[in-house]
Amino acid sequence: MNIDYAALTDLYQLTMAQGYLDHGMGDTQACFHMYFRNYPFKGGYAIACGMDQLAELVETYRFTDEDIAYLEALPAPGGGKLFHERFLQYLADFRLSVDIDAVHEGTPVFPNEPLVRVCGPILECQLIETPLLNCVNFETLVATKSARVCQAAGAPVAEFGLRRAQGAAGGVWASRAAVVGGCASTSNVLAGRMFDIPVSGTHAHSWVMSFPDELTAFRAYAQSFPNNCVLLVDTYDVEQGVRNAITVGLEMRERGERLSGIRIDSGDLTWLSKMARRMLDEAGLTDCGIVLSNDLDEYTIRSIRQEGVDVMSWGVGTKLACAYDQPTLGGVYKLSATRKGDGEAWVDHIKISESVQKLTTPGVLDVRRYYSEDGRIAGDMVFDTNAPVNEKEVIVDPYDSLRRKKLAGKRYETLLKPLARSGKCVLEAEARNAMEARRRTMEGLETLDETQKRLLNPHTYPVGLERGLFERRGALVAKMKGFE
């Protein structure tokens, strides 16, 4: 979308970068990890997304002449200029050289495990923090909401939240994330063109209102779109709207065509759709489906389905594209290790804070995902890639002796995959494709236990630290607190 990712940042990233340069720390090697702390939507999983945009960030990250001119003009609060000439020249010549590893889009992920690892000069790692968090936080949130909606729906879901999305860029990437999470299509034409994802749509109430009467409007639409005719029947009165749709459907049948469906967008959707189904069947239009929309989310959809409604497809907009009930994932990006140069040993770093939940994990981290014999995932282990791995016992909760997992001998895979090397994108085309990511989502959800997918009080999936890493973190906390 021609986003200036270099300027899409918080000012403190740039002030820290200048500070690193001033103090000769710009080339210090660092390792940062992006992860989230709490399950979104009070659910039992999240669906990773945003890595395609992260790859775009890597490919296009440059400071333009306009960026440099703007930064040069910024005043320091105490007088003078905020950024000096040496730093501005550094930015003008800047090119990324970091290595990035990330989980593939469509992967079910869980709190307190890295979704993205960035290694390279600390100045570079710092500069990309804000745009990285912006794309992965938002898209993971929407993809997760989409997966929840689609799991509840039991029929294809079309996303059409663009008109109420958070701006143009937010709308485009939300549409892509919704498809990654499971939606069959989007109404967003730009997203369809950009990401090669299916688009869908019929007509609005204004179509009906622009004709002398509803029947005339339906006939005109059927004439224009005989192979994709879904009629919106609630502009005036749903029962009469269904009668008019039946009239048009029977006329289409005589011409060798078919009325694909009707859509209801207001009122008691359960009661109205049952009435409509009965009327359509009695008229012999048993192959005409019913599409439901109107501020739907996973809870409303589940309630409608529990009452036995026969739905061909669903249209979900605002509450999906805007992640209506939780506006942010809350993902963070934390420094975990540094070293002076290649070949040097990594030095652990940890953030303790006043909140136990904000305690970070040191090291250059990755995740092993273990599988049970039935193909279900059994537990995730966060480990340091530069240390021996002891998988006999993974520490899930150090305050509960029963919350430990023995995973030795189980089949496993490592989740973080190369996305960039030396500042160049290496993510293969398949991993960036939205429809392939959607397939991974469907396959990944099948590996979850049903208790982890339920909407209310889902079962917590075990994510823990490799024992050696757990003990190392504890020793580092004790050292930082002065207990040794």
Protein backbone atom coordinates (compact mmCIF):
# COMPACT_ATOMS: atom_id res chain seq x y z
CA MET A 1 0.00 0.00 0.00
CA ASN A 2 3.05 2.28 -0.39
CA ILE A 3 3.37 2.67 3.38
CA ASP A 4 6.43 4.58 4.58
CA TYR A 5 7.40 2.04 7.24
CA ALA A 6 10.51 3.98 8.28
CA ALA A 7 8.41 6.98 9.29
CA LEU A 8 5.63 4.78 10.71
CA THR A 9 7.26 4.75 14.13
CA ASP A 10 7.25 6.28 17.58
CA LEU A 11 9.60 9.19 18.10
CA TYR A 12 11.46 7.48 20.92
CA GLN A 13 12.66 4.78 18.55
CA LEU A 14 14.51 7.48 16.65
CA THR A 15 15.84 9.28 19.72
CA MET A 16 17.17 5.97 21.08
CA ALA A 17 18.71 5.19 17.69
CA GLN A 18 20.58 8.49 17.74
CA GLY A 19 21.70 7.74 21.28
CA TYR A 20 23.02 4.31 20.27
CA LEU A 21 24.94 5.94 17.44
CA ASP A 22 26.35 8.67 19.70
CA HIS A 23 27.65 6.17 22.24
CA GLY A 24 29.16 3.72 19.77
CA MET A 25 26.49 1.09 20.44
CA GLY A 26 24.82 1.07 17.03
CA ASP A 27 26.50 -2.16 15.93
CA THR A 28 25.98 -4.01 19.21
CA GLN A 29 24.21 -7.24 18.30
CA ALA A 30 20.82 -7.67 19.96
CA CYS A 31 17.95 -10.13 20.07
CA PHE A 32 14.35 -9.00 20.50
CA HIS A 33 11.16 -11.09 20.67
CA MET A 34 7.55 -10.16 19.95
CA TYR A 35 4.88 -12.00 21.97
CA PHE A 36 1.56 -11.36 23.72
CA ARG A 37 0.69 -12.00 27.35
CA ASN A 38 -3.04 -12.76 27.44
CA TYR A 39 -5.49 -14.73 25.30
CA PRO A 40 -7.51 -12.41 23.04
CA PHE A 41 -11.31 -12.39 23.42
CA LYS A 42 -10.96 -14.53 26.58
CA GLY A 43 -10.49 -17.46 24.24
CA GLY A 44 -8.14 -20.41 24.13
CA TYR A 45 -5.88 -19.55 21.18
CA ALA A 46 -4.78 -16.89 18.73
CA ILE A 47 -4.07 -17.14 14.98
CA ALA A 48 -0.76 -15.63 13.91
CA CYS A 49 -1.00 -13.08 11.13
CA GLY A 50 0.80 -9.99 9.84
CA MET A 51 3.96 -11.72 8.63
CA ASP A 52 3.25 -10.90 4.99
CA GLN A 53 3.12 -7.22 5.90
CA LEU A 54 6.28 -7.68 7.98
CA ALA A 55 7.96 -9.09 4.87
CA GLU A 56 6.75 -6.02 2.95
CA LEU A 57 8.27 -3.85 5.67
CA VAL A 58 11.65 -5.54 5.21
CA GLU A 59 11.50 -5.17 1.44
CA THR A 60 10.62 -1.46 1.43
CA TYR A 61 12.23 -0.03 4.59
CA ARG A 62 13.93 3.24 3.57
CA PHE A 63 14.12 6.79 4.89
CA THR A 64 13.01 9.07 2.07
CA ASP A 65 14.25 12.59 1.42
CA GLU A 66 10.94 13.84 2.79
CA ASP A 67 11.47 11.82 6.00
CA ILE A 68 14.95 13.27 6.48
CA ALA A 69 13.76 16.82 5.83
CA TYR A 70 10.96 16.42 8.38
CA LEU A 71 13.27 14.99 11.04
CA GLU A 72 15.84 17.71 10.38
CA ALA A 73 13.22 20.37 11.09
CA LEU A 74 12.07 18.91 14.42
CA PRO A 75 13.03 21.18 17.33
CA ALA A 76 14.36 19.91 20.63
CA PRO A 77 12.15 20.98 23.57
CA GLY A 78 15.14 22.71 25.20
CA GLY A 79 16.14 24.56 22.07
CA GLY A 80 18.04 23.71 18.93
CA LYS A 81 17.40 20.72 16.72
CA LEU A 82 16.34 17.31 17.98
CA PHE A 83 18.47 15.28 15.54
CA HIS A 84 22.03 16.09 14.50
CA GLU A 85 23.49 15.94 11.01
CA ARG A 86 25.53 12.77 11.55
CA PHE A 87 22.44 10.80 12.54
CA LEU A 88 20.36 12.19 9.69
CA GLN A 89 23.05 11.19 7.20
CA TYR A 90 23.09 7.73 8.78
CA LEU A 91 19.34 7.43 8.19
CA ALA A 92 19.64 8.70 4.62
CA ASP A 93 22.05 5.82 3.84
CA PHE A 94 20.26 3.29 6.05
CA ARG A 95 19.58 -0.27 4.91
CA LEU A 96 18.32 -3.13 7.09
CA SER A 97 20.68 -6.00 7.87
CA VAL A 98 18.69 -7.84 10.55
CA ASP A 99 17.72 -11.52 10.65
CA ILE A 100 14.03 -12.13 11.36
CA ASP A 101 12.34 -15.44 12.20
CA ALA A 102 8.59 -15.74 12.67
CA VAL A 103 5.82 -18.28 12.88
CA HIS A 104 3.96 -18.81 9.62
CA GLU A 105 0.62 -17.05 9.24
CA GLY A 106 -2.30 -19.26 10.16
CA THR A 107 -0.43 -20.95 13.01
CA PRO A 108 -2.34 -21.24 16.31
CA VAL A 109 -0.25 -19.44 18.92
CA PHE A 110 -0.49 -18.85 22.65
CA PRO A 111 0.56 -16.33 25.31
CA ASN A 112 4.18 -15.87 26.37
CA GLU A 113 5.78 -17.57 23.38
CA PRO A 114 7.67 -15.66 20.67
CA LEU A 115 5.83 -15.04 17.40
CA VAL A 116 8.74 -13.06 15.94
CA ARG A 117 12.47 -13.00 16.72
CA VAL A 118 14.69 -10.17 15.46
CA CYS A 119 18.48 -10.38 15.66
CA GLY A 120 20.95 -7.78 14.41
CA PRO A 121 22.40 -4.38 15.26
CA ILE A 122 20.50 -2.99 18.23
CA LEU A 123 19.87 0.29 16.44
CA GLU A 124 18.11 -1.53 13.57
CA CYS A 125 16.14 -3.79 15.90
CA GLN A 126 14.92 -0.70 17.72
CA LEU A 127 13.90 1.17 14.58
CA ILE A 128 11.56 -1.57 13.33
CA GLU A 129 9.85 -2.22 16.67
CA THR A 130 6.82 0.02 16.20
CA PRO A 131 5.83 -0.96 12.63
CA LEU A 132 6.45 -4.64 13.43
CA LEU A 133 4.14 -4.48 16.43
CA ASN A 134 1.59 -2.47 14.48
CA CYS A 135 1.12 -5.07 11.76
CA VAL A 136 1.44 -8.28 13.80
CA ASN A 137 -0.70 -7.10 16.73
CA PHE A 138 -3.58 -5.89 14.59
CA GLU A 139 -3.67 -8.67 12.04
CA THR A 140 -3.27 -11.45 14.62
CA LEU A 141 -6.20 -9.95 16.53
CA VAL A 142 -8.47 -9.84 13.45
CA ALA A 143 -7.42 -13.29 12.24
CA THR A 144 -8.24 -14.68 15.69
CA LYS A 145 -11.65 -13.01 15.71
CA SER A 146 -12.29 -14.39 12.24
CA ALA A 147 -11.37 -17.91 13.33
CA ARG A 148 -13.78 -17.68 16.26
CA VAL A 149 -16.59 -16.39 14.03
CA CYS A 150 -15.98 -19.04 11.38
CA GLN A 151 -15.80 -21.83 13.96
CA ALA A 152 -19.20 -20.74 15.26
CA ALA A 153 -20.73 -20.27 11.79
CA GLY A 154 -20.70 -23.78 10.33
CA ALA A 155 -21.15 -22.19 6.87
CA PRO A 156 -19.11 -19.77 4.73
CA VAL A 157 -18.55 -16.31 6.20
CA ALA A 158 -18.08 -13.18 4.09
CA GLU A 159 -16.21 -10.28 5.69
CA PHE A 160 -17.58 -6.85 4.82
CA GLY A 161 -16.41 -4.44 7.50
CA LEU A 162 -14.49 -2.02 5.29
CA ARG A 163 -16.91 0.87 5.71
CA ARG A 164 -16.38 0.84 9.47
CA ALA A 165 -12.77 -0.32 9.57
CA GLN A 166 -10.01 1.73 11.17
CA GLY A 167 -8.98 3.68 8.10
CA ALA A 168 -8.01 2.57 4.61
CA ALA A 169 -4.88 0.61 5.53
CA GLY A 170 -6.63 -0.92 8.52
CA GLY A 171 -9.52 -1.98 6.31
CA VAL A 172 -7.31 -3.59 3.67
CA TRP A 173 -5.15 -5.57 6.09
CA ALA A 174 -8.19 -6.48 8.22
CA SER A 175 -9.82 -8.01 5.15
CA ARG A 176 -6.73 -10.10 4.45
CA ALA A 177 -6.45 -11.16 8.10
CA ALA A 178 -10.13 -12.14 8.13
CA VAL A 179 -9.54 -14.49 5.22
CA VAL A 180 -6.43 -15.92 6.91
CA GLY A 181 -8.62 -16.59 9.95
CA GLY A 182 -11.16 -18.52 7.89
CA CYS A 183 -13.50 -16.19 6.01
CA ALA A 184 -14.43 -17.46 2.56
CA SER A 185 -14.45 -14.01 0.98
CA THR A 186 -14.38 -10.26 1.53
CA SER A 187 -16.36 -7.37 0.10
CA ASN A 188 -13.13 -5.35 -0.11
CA VAL A 189 -12.21 -5.08 -3.78
CA LEU A 190 -8.78 -3.54 -3.14
CA ALA A 191 -7.88 -6.35 -0.75
CA GLY A 192 -9.12 -8.87 -3.29
CA ARG A 193 -6.91 -7.37 -5.96
CA MET A 194 -3.84 -6.94 -3.76
CA PHE A 195 -3.88 -10.33 -2.08
CA ASP A 196 -5.70 -12.51 -4.63
CA ILE A 197 -8.47 -13.41 -2.20
CA PRO A 198 -12.13 -14.08 -3.15
CA VAL A 199 -14.52 -11.12 -3.20
CA SER A 200 -18.29 -11.28 -2.83
CA GLY A 201 -21.32 -9.00 -2.57
CA THR A 202 -24.80 -8.34 -3.93
CA HIS A 203 -26.78 -5.14 -3.44
CA ALA A 204 -27.77 -2.72 -0.69
CA HIS A 205 -31.12 -1.29 0.40
CA SER A 206 -30.49 1.74 -1.80
CA TRP A 207 -30.90 -0.48 -4.88
CA VAL A 208 -34.42 -1.40 -3.82
CA MET A 209 -35.25 2.16 -2.76
CA SER A 210 -34.15 3.59 -6.11
CA PHE A 211 -36.91 1.70 -8.01
CA PRO A 212 -40.67 2.38 -7.95
CA ASP A 213 -41.24 -0.78 -5.91
CA GLU A 214 -39.39 -3.77 -4.49
CA LEU A 215 -40.57 -6.30 -7.06
CA THR A 216 -39.34 -4.12 -9.92
CA ALA A 217 -35.98 -3.75 -8.18
CA PHE A 218 -35.66 -7.51 -7.69
CA ARG A 219 -36.55 -8.22 -11.31
CA ALA A 220 -33.97 -5.70 -12.51
CA TYR A 221 -31.24 -7.18 -10.34
CA ALA A 222 -32.04 -10.71 -11.46
CA GLN A 223 -31.84 -9.55 -15.06
CA SER A 224 -28.40 -8.00 -14.50
CA PHE A 225 -26.96 -10.87 -12.43
CA PRO A 226 -28.74 -14.10 -13.38
CA ASN A 227 -25.82 -16.25 -12.20
CA ASN A 228 -25.27 -14.55 -8.85
CA CYS A 229 -28.62 -13.32 -7.64
CA VAL A 230 -29.04 -12.84 -3.89
CA LEU A 231 -31.89 -10.48 -3.03
CA LEU A 232 -31.96 -8.30 0.10
CA VAL A 233 -35.52 -8.68 1.40
CA ASP A 234 -35.75 -6.42 4.46
CA THR A 235 -35.87 -2.92 2.97
CA TYR A 236 -39.58 -2.54 3.80
CA ASP A 237 -41.13 -5.72 5.16
CA VAL A 238 -39.38 -9.09 5.27
CA GLU A 239 -42.46 -11.24 4.68
CA GLN A 240 -43.47 -9.23 1.62
CA GLY A 241 -39.85 -9.12 0.54
CA VAL A 242 -39.68 -12.91 0.59
CA ARG A 243 -42.90 -13.10 -1.44
CA ASN A 244 -41.40 -10.77 -4.05
CA ALA A 245 -38.19 -12.81 -4.07
CA ILE A 246 -40.23 -15.97 -4.62
CA THR A 247 -41.98 -14.35 -7.56
CA VAL A 248 -38.62 -13.47 -9.11
CA GLY A 249 -37.18 -16.88 -8.24
CA LEU A 250 -40.00 -18.68 -10.07
CA GLU A 251 -39.59 -16.38 -13.06
CA MET A 252 -35.88 -17.12 -13.11
CA ARG A 253 -36.57 -20.85 -13.01
CA GLU A 254 -38.78 -20.54 -16.09
CA ARG A 255 -35.82 -18.92 -17.88
CA GLY A 256 -33.49 -21.73 -16.84
CA GLU A 257 -31.85 -19.59 -14.15
CA ARG A 258 -31.76 -19.87 -10.37
CA LEU A 259 -32.30 -17.52 -7.46
CA SER A 260 -29.16 -18.18 -5.40
CA GLY A 261 -30.43 -16.75 -2.14
CA ILE A 262 -32.07 -14.05 -0.10
CA ARG A 263 -30.42 -11.91 2.57
CA ILE A 264 -31.96 -10.67 5.80
CA ASP A 265 -30.16 -7.77 7.49
CA SER A 266 -32.42 -6.69 10.35
CA GLY A 267 -34.93 -7.83 12.92
CA ASP A 268 -35.17 -11.16 14.72
CA LEU A 269 -32.92 -13.11 12.38
CA THR A 270 -33.86 -16.48 13.84
CA TRP A 271 -37.61 -16.02 13.55
CA LEU A 272 -37.45 -14.28 10.17
CA SER A 273 -35.12 -16.83 8.59
CA LYS A 274 -37.32 -19.72 9.74
CA MET A 275 -40.34 -17.97 8.23
CA ALA A 276 -38.44 -17.33 5.01
CA ARG A 277 -37.24 -20.92 4.80
CA ARG A 278 -40.78 -22.19 5.17
CA MET A 279 -42.08 -19.83 2.49
CA LEU A 280 -39.29 -20.68 0.04
CA ASP A 281 -39.76 -24.42 0.52
CA GLU A 282 -43.52 -24.18 0.08
CA ALA A 283 -42.94 -22.35 -3.20
CA GLY A 284 -40.61 -25.09 -4.38
CA LEU A 285 -37.45 -22.97 -4.10
CA THR A 286 -35.69 -25.44 -1.84
CA ASP A 287 -32.35 -24.65 -3.48
CA CYS A 288 -32.56 -20.95 -2.62
CA GLY A 289 -30.32 -20.26 0.38
CA ILE A 290 -30.59 -17.75 3.20
CA VAL A 291 -27.82 -15.27 4.01
CA LEU A 292 -27.85 -13.52 7.39
CA SER A 293 -26.09 -10.30 8.40
CA ASN A 294 -26.56 -7.39 10.85
CA ASP A 295 -23.92 -6.80 13.55
CA LEU A 296 -23.13 -10.47 13.90
CA ASP A 297 -20.37 -11.98 16.01
CA GLU A 298 -19.53 -15.49 17.15
CA TYR A 299 -21.95 -15.38 20.08
CA THR A 300 -24.95 -14.21 18.04
CA ILE A 301 -24.18 -16.73 15.32
CA ARG A 302 -23.92 -19.55 17.83
CA SER A 303 -27.27 -18.55 19.35
CA ILE A 304 -28.97 -18.49 15.95
CA ARG A 305 -27.57 -21.89 15.02
CA GLN A 306 -28.60 -23.37 18.34
CA GLU A 307 -32.21 -22.53 17.41
CA GLY A 308 -31.96 -24.68 14.32
CA VAL A 309 -31.78 -22.06 11.58
CA ASP A 310 -30.71 -23.25 8.12
CA VAL A 311 -28.17 -20.66 6.88
CA MET A 312 -26.36 -20.76 3.54
CA SER A 313 -23.78 -18.14 4.53
CA TRP A 314 -23.15 -15.26 6.90
CA GLY A 315 -22.08 -11.66 6.38
CA VAL A 316 -19.99 -10.30 9.24
CA GLY A 317 -18.71 -6.74 9.18
CA THR A 318 -18.06 -4.30 12.01
CA LYS A 319 -17.49 -6.75 14.83
CA LEU A 320 -14.98 -8.68 12.76
CA ALA A 321 -12.99 -6.04 10.88
CA CYS A 322 -12.76 -3.84 13.98
CA ALA A 323 -12.24 -6.69 16.49
CA TYR A 324 -15.15 -4.95 18.21
CA ASP A 325 -14.97 -6.46 21.70
CA GLN A 326 -11.17 -6.20 22.10
CA PRO A 327 -9.42 -3.34 20.32
CA THR A 328 -5.85 -4.57 20.76
CA LEU A 329 -3.87 -7.77 21.19
CA GLY A 330 -1.36 -6.16 23.54
CA GLY A 331 1.69 -7.77 21.98
CA VAL A 332 5.09 -6.53 23.19
CA TYR A 333 8.64 -6.49 21.79
CA LYS A 334 11.39 -7.07 24.35
CA LEU A 335 15.18 -7.18 24.38
CA SER A 336 16.43 -10.56 25.60
CA ALA A 337 20.14 -10.78 24.73
CA THR A 338 23.08 -8.79 23.34
CA ARG A 339 26.62 -9.49 22.18
CA LYS A 340 29.46 -7.33 20.91
CA GLY A 341 29.83 -9.13 17.60
CA ASP A 342 29.50 -12.37 15.66
CA GLY A 343 31.26 -15.23 17.41
CA GLU A 344 30.90 -13.60 20.83
CA ALA A 345 28.75 -15.21 23.51
CA TRP A 346 25.25 -13.82 23.99
CA VAL A 347 24.67 -11.96 27.27
CA ASP A 348 21.24 -12.44 28.85
CA HIS A 349 18.96 -9.48 29.53
CA ILE A 350 15.77 -9.48 31.55
CA LYS A 351 13.04 -7.01 32.50
CA ILE A 352 11.67 -7.61 35.99
CA SER A 353 9.31 -4.65 36.61
CA GLU A 354 6.86 -4.40 39.50
CA SER A 355 4.45 -6.83 37.84
CA VAL A 356 5.15 -10.56 37.77
CA GLN A 357 3.27 -10.84 34.49
CA LYS A 358 5.79 -8.48 32.84
CA LEU A 359 8.82 -10.62 33.69
CA THR A 360 10.64 -11.34 30.42
CA THR A 361 12.65 -14.38 29.36
CA PRO A 362 16.35 -14.09 28.43
CA GLY A 363 18.15 -15.71 25.52
CA VAL A 364 17.75 -16.27 21.78
CA LEU A 365 14.42 -18.05 21.88
CA ASP A 366 12.38 -20.43 19.79
CA VAL A 367 9.37 -22.68 20.35
CA ARG A 368 9.01 -26.43 20.10
CA ARG A 369 5.47 -27.64 19.55
CA TYR A 370 4.89 -31.21 20.67
CA TYR A 371 2.20 -33.50 19.24
CA SER A 372 0.30 -36.38 20.77
CA GLU A 373 -0.11 -39.65 18.88
CA ASP A 374 -3.59 -38.60 17.74
CA GLY A 375 -2.21 -35.50 16.00
CA ARG A 376 -3.41 -33.05 18.64
CA ILE A 377 -0.89 -30.56 19.99
CA ALA A 378 0.28 -31.52 23.47
CA GLY A 379 2.26 -28.51 24.66
CA ASP A 380 4.73 -25.80 23.62
CA MET A 381 8.22 -25.38 25.04
CA VAL A 382 10.11 -22.09 24.82
CA PHE A 383 13.86 -22.77 24.67
CA ASP A 384 17.17 -21.00 24.04
CA THR A 385 18.62 -21.92 20.65
CA ASN A 386 22.16 -21.57 22.03
CA ALA A 387 21.76 -23.82 25.06
CA PRO A 388 21.23 -27.57 25.59
CA VAL A 389 17.57 -28.60 25.70
CA ASN A 390 16.19 -30.68 28.57
CA GLU A 391 12.68 -31.67 27.50
CA LYS A 392 12.02 -34.17 30.28
CA GLU A 393 9.98 -31.60 32.13
CA VAL A 394 8.68 -28.29 30.82
CA ILE A 395 7.89 -25.71 33.50
CA VAL A 396 4.41 -24.40 32.75
CA ASP A 397 3.70 -22.65 36.05
CA PRO A 398 6.49 -22.40 38.65
CA TYR A 399 3.95 -21.69 41.39
CA ASP A 400 2.01 -24.92 40.85
CA SER A 401 3.91 -28.20 41.07
CA LEU A 402 1.16 -29.98 39.13
CA ARG A 403 1.41 -27.62 36.15
CA ARG A 404 4.32 -29.37 34.45
CA LYS A 405 4.40 -31.31 31.21
CA LYS A 406 6.49 -34.35 30.37
CA LEU A 407 6.98 -34.17 26.61
CA ALA A 408 10.06 -36.33 26.01
CA GLY A 409 9.66 -38.71 23.08
CA LYS A 410 6.76 -36.88 21.46
CA ARG A 411 6.96 -35.65 17.89
CA TYR A 412 7.65 -31.94 17.65
CA GLU A 413 8.28 -29.09 15.23
CA THR A 414 10.07 -25.78 15.68
CA LEU A 415 7.78 -22.83 15.06
CA LEU A 416 9.99 -19.88 14.11
CA LYS A 417 10.87 -19.92 10.40
CA PRO A 418 13.24 -17.62 8.47
CA LEU A 419 11.56 -14.44 7.26
CA ALA A 420 14.61 -12.23 6.59
CA ARG A 421 18.36 -12.75 6.45
CA SER A 422 20.80 -9.83 6.43
CA GLY A 423 17.92 -7.48 5.78
CA LYS A 424 16.59 -9.38 2.76
CA CYS A 425 13.22 -11.12 2.73
CA VAL A 426 13.57 -14.89 2.37
CA LEU A 427 9.96 -15.83 3.11
CA GLU A 428 8.79 -18.11 0.32
CA ALA A 429 5.75 -17.18 -1.75
CA GLU A 430 3.62 -19.99 -0.30
CA ALA A 431 4.16 -18.70 3.24
CA ARG A 432 2.98 -15.23 2.17
CA ASN A 433 -0.13 -16.38 0.32
CA ALA A 434 -3.37 -15.53 2.19
CA MET A 435 -5.27 -18.59 0.97
CA GLU A 436 -2.42 -20.90 1.99
CA ALA A 437 -2.42 -19.22 5.39
CA ARG A 438 -6.17 -19.84 5.58
CA ARG A 439 -5.52 -23.52 4.90
CA ARG A 440 -2.92 -23.58 7.70
CA THR A 441 -5.48 -22.02 10.03
CA MET A 442 -8.04 -24.72 9.24
CA GLU A 443 -5.45 -27.47 9.73
CA GLY A 444 -4.08 -25.86 12.88
CA LEU A 445 -7.50 -25.55 14.50
CA GLU A 446 -8.03 -29.26 13.91
CA THR A 447 -5.02 -29.95 16.15
CA LEU A 448 -6.65 -28.15 19.08
CA ASP A 449 -8.78 -29.96 21.59
CA GLU A 450 -12.44 -28.98 21.47
CA THR A 451 -12.15 -27.57 24.99
CA GLN A 452 -9.59 -25.04 23.73
CA LYS A 453 -11.93 -23.82 20.98
CA ARG A 454 -15.10 -23.29 23.00
CA LEU A 455 -16.25 -19.69 23.38
CA LEU A 456 -16.86 -19.75 27.13
CA ASN A 457 -14.25 -20.83 29.67
CA PRO A 458 -11.89 -22.52 27.20
CA HIS A 459 -9.22 -24.89 28.44
CA THR A 460 -5.75 -23.31 28.81
CA TYR A 461 -3.08 -24.72 26.52
CA PRO A 462 0.25 -25.47 28.23
CA VAL A 463 3.15 -23.23 27.23
CA GLY A 464 6.25 -23.50 29.38
CA LEU A 465 9.96 -22.89 29.61
CA GLU A 466 12.62 -25.53 29.05
CA ARG A 467 13.92 -26.42 32.52
CA GLY A 468 17.42 -25.04 32.02
CA LEU A 469 16.03 -21.76 30.68
CA PHE A 470 13.59 -21.55 33.58
CA GLU A 471 16.41 -22.02 36.10
CA ARG A 472 18.62 -19.52 34.28
CA ARG A 473 15.88 -16.91 34.35
CA GLY A 474 15.33 -17.48 38.06
CA ALA A 475 19.05 -17.05 38.76
CA LEU A 476 19.12 -13.84 36.73
CA VAL A 477 16.12 -12.45 38.63
CA ALA A 478 17.85 -13.25 41.92
CA LYS A 479 21.01 -11.51 40.72
CA MET A 480 19.15 -8.41 39.55
CA LYS A 481 17.25 -8.24 42.84
CA GLY A 482 20.48 -8.60 44.82
CA PHE A 483 19.54 -11.91 46.39
CA GLU A 484 22.90 -13.54 45.65
